[in-house]
Each structure stands twice: as C-alpha cells, then as structure tokens.
Amino acid sequence: MMTDLLLILGIALIAAFFWQLRQMAETSRRFSERESAKQRVQLLSVAMSSARPSLGGSTGLCWKATFLLEFSTDGINRYQAEFVMLHNRIISIDWPVFPEPDWMEAPASRGKIGGCCGSHKSCSTNKG
C-alpha cells in the first residue's frame, strides 16, 4: 500500500518535471523567434543542450536549462548563441560576434527564370 503511494508520487513528480521541460522548450522557441527578429538574423534552429534540476523559481525545485540558438546572417554562415533559462525565465544570453546582416536589403530579382529579358526592351521587340 505504501509502496504504491510512493510509486504514484514518483510518477507524478517525473510527469511534472517533463511538463516543465516542455513549457521551457516552447518559451525558448518564442524567445528565439523574437530575438532573431530583433537582431535581424535568420533563425535556423533551437536546441536544449543541457538541463538539470535546480533550486529557485516560484516552486522551489525547477529546471535550469541551457539552449543553443543557431542563426545565419547571410544564408551561408552559421553562428550559435547560448542562453540559460531557470524555470520559464531567461537568465542570460551570450551572442557571438557576427557581421551585420545585409541580405535583407538586397535588391529583388527582376526578370524571368533562365535569364531571359529582365528589364531589357530587346526581348519584347517583334522580329516580324
């Protein structure tokens, strides 16, 4: 009887910790999207690199997790930022040094696929 109760409490505790990790993953995704838009970089991926139980937060016992945010400034090079969360709060973020993104200001392509015409008038003349 007592072992059953301890088993149920243990399973409930594991489920609560799993639920908290899932909430942290969702919060980290939203944070990454917001920070990438603020820095004007292309978000590639967000991944949890480590998680461990820690004291703190509103409930006393919570997770302290480190996330890696991969981003690109030009579509070719890949950079990694690292941020630490305690429960659902961002404690710190460490951005690497990266060049100012300029791919968002690039001129749009004008022309057809295959290189025909574009803005040249010679393609639109009739050679009767």
Protein backbone atom coordinates (compact mmCIF):
# COMPACT_ATOMS: atom_id res chain seq x y z
CA MET A 1 0.00 0.00 0.00
CA MET A 2 2.76 2.45 0.97
CA THR A 3 4.93 1.39 -1.98
CA ASP A 4 2.02 2.00 -4.35
CA LEU A 5 1.59 5.51 -2.98
CA LEU A 6 5.32 6.23 -3.34
CA LEU A 7 5.28 4.84 -6.87
CA ILE A 8 2.34 7.08 -7.85
CA LEU A 9 4.00 10.13 -6.28
CA GLY A 10 7.25 9.34 -8.10
CA ILE A 11 5.47 9.05 -11.44
CA ALA A 12 3.60 12.30 -10.79
CA LEU A 13 6.88 14.07 -9.98
CA ILE A 14 8.53 12.79 -13.16
CA ALA A 15 5.49 13.87 -15.21
CA ALA A 16 5.58 17.35 -13.63
CA PHE A 17 9.27 17.75 -14.45
CA PHE A 18 8.68 16.56 -18.01
CA TRP A 19 5.80 19.05 -18.36
CA GLN A 20 8.02 21.85 -17.08
CA LEU A 21 10.73 20.97 -19.63
CA ARG A 22 8.16 21.10 -22.43
CA GLN A 23 7.00 24.54 -21.26
CA MET A 24 10.60 25.72 -21.21
CA ALA A 25 11.11 24.44 -24.77
CA GLU A 26 8.08 26.39 -26.00
CA THR A 27 9.22 29.53 -24.19
CA SER A 28 12.71 29.17 -25.67
CA ARG A 29 11.27 28.83 -29.18
CA ARG A 30 9.20 32.03 -28.80
CA PHE A 31 12.16 33.86 -27.26
CA SER A 32 14.44 32.73 -30.11
CA GLU A 33 11.99 33.91 -32.77
CA ARG A 34 11.61 37.29 -31.08
CA GLU A 35 15.37 37.79 -30.56
CA SER A 36 16.18 36.71 -34.13
CA ALA A 37 13.73 39.25 -35.50
CA LYS A 38 15.19 41.92 -33.21
CA GLN A 39 18.78 41.13 -34.32
CA ARG A 40 17.60 40.81 -37.97
CA VAL A 41 19.07 37.33 -38.43
CA GLN A 42 17.63 34.14 -39.88
CA LEU A 43 16.69 31.61 -37.19
CA LEU A 44 17.89 28.12 -38.11
CA SER A 45 17.27 26.00 -35.01
CA VAL A 46 16.85 25.96 -31.25
CA ALA A 47 18.00 23.00 -29.17
CA MET A 48 18.37 22.22 -25.49
CA SER A 49 21.98 21.33 -24.77
CA SER A 50 21.66 20.54 -21.06
CA ALA A 51 19.11 20.51 -18.26
CA ARG A 52 19.48 19.81 -14.58
CA PRO A 53 17.30 20.22 -11.50
CA SER A 54 17.97 23.39 -9.56
CA LEU A 55 16.65 25.30 -6.56
CA GLY A 56 14.88 28.55 -7.33
CA GLY A 57 11.88 29.74 -9.24
CA SER A 58 8.40 30.04 -7.77
CA THR A 59 8.03 26.37 -6.79
CA GLY A 60 11.44 25.90 -5.19
CA LEU A 61 12.60 22.95 -7.30
CA CYS A 62 12.80 23.59 -11.04
CA TRP A 63 14.97 23.01 -14.12
CA LYS A 64 17.97 25.06 -15.16
CA ALA A 65 18.48 24.52 -18.88
CA THR A 66 20.95 25.74 -21.48
CA PHE A 67 19.73 26.24 -25.04
CA LEU A 68 21.66 26.73 -28.28
CA LEU A 69 20.22 29.08 -30.87
CA GLU A 70 21.63 28.67 -34.37
CA PHE A 71 21.23 31.55 -36.79
CA SER A 72 22.60 32.94 -40.03
CA THR A 73 23.25 36.48 -41.20
CA ASP A 74 23.71 35.76 -44.90
CA GLY A 75 22.22 32.33 -45.55
CA ILE A 76 25.68 30.73 -45.81
CA ASN A 77 27.45 31.12 -42.47
CA ARG A 78 26.10 29.60 -39.27
CA TYR A 79 26.51 31.08 -35.78
CA GLN A 80 25.47 29.88 -32.31
CA ALA A 81 24.15 31.88 -29.41
CA GLU A 82 23.65 30.34 -25.99
CA PHE A 83 21.05 31.26 -23.40
CA VAL A 84 20.26 29.92 -19.95
CA MET A 85 16.76 29.53 -18.51
CA LEU A 86 15.71 28.98 -14.92
CA HIS A 87 12.11 27.72 -14.93
CA ASN A 88 10.44 30.00 -17.54
CA ARG A 89 12.79 32.95 -17.10
CA ILE A 90 15.76 33.81 -19.29
CA ILE A 91 18.77 34.36 -17.03
CA SER A 92 21.46 35.15 -19.58
CA ILE A 93 22.13 35.17 -23.31
CA ASP A 94 25.54 35.05 -24.95
CA TRP A 95 25.63 36.26 -28.58
CA PRO A 96 28.77 35.65 -30.63
CA VAL A 97 30.37 38.40 -32.67
CA PHE A 98 28.81 38.29 -36.12
CA PRO A 99 28.72 40.64 -39.13
CA GLU A 100 25.81 42.97 -39.66
CA PRO A 101 23.18 41.17 -41.77
CA ASP A 102 22.80 42.72 -45.21
CA TRP A 103 20.83 40.08 -47.08
CA MET A 104 17.51 41.69 -46.09
CA GLU A 105 18.40 44.88 -48.00
CA ALA A 106 19.42 43.03 -51.17
CA PRO A 107 17.57 44.15 -54.30
CA ALA A 108 14.82 41.90 -55.55
CA SER A 109 15.34 39.98 -58.77
CA ARG A 110 13.64 41.38 -61.87
CA GLY A 111 13.33 39.00 -64.73
CA LYS A 112 12.33 35.57 -65.73
CA ILE A 113 13.87 32.35 -64.57
CA GLY A 114 16.51 31.32 -67.06
CA GLY A 115 17.88 34.82 -67.61
CA CYS A 116 15.59 35.92 -70.44
CA CYS A 117 14.57 39.54 -70.77
CA GLY A 118 14.57 41.06 -67.29
CA SER A 119 14.16 44.78 -67.85
CA HIS A 120 15.72 44.83 -71.36
CA LYS A 121 13.46 46.05 -74.14
CA SER A 122 15.21 43.97 -76.79
CA CYS A 123 13.27 40.84 -75.84
CA SER A 124 9.92 42.49 -76.29
CA THR A 125 10.54 43.71 -79.86
CA ASN A 126 8.87 41.76 -82.63
CA LYS A 127 11.26 40.45 -85.27
CA GLY A 128 8.47 40.09 -87.77
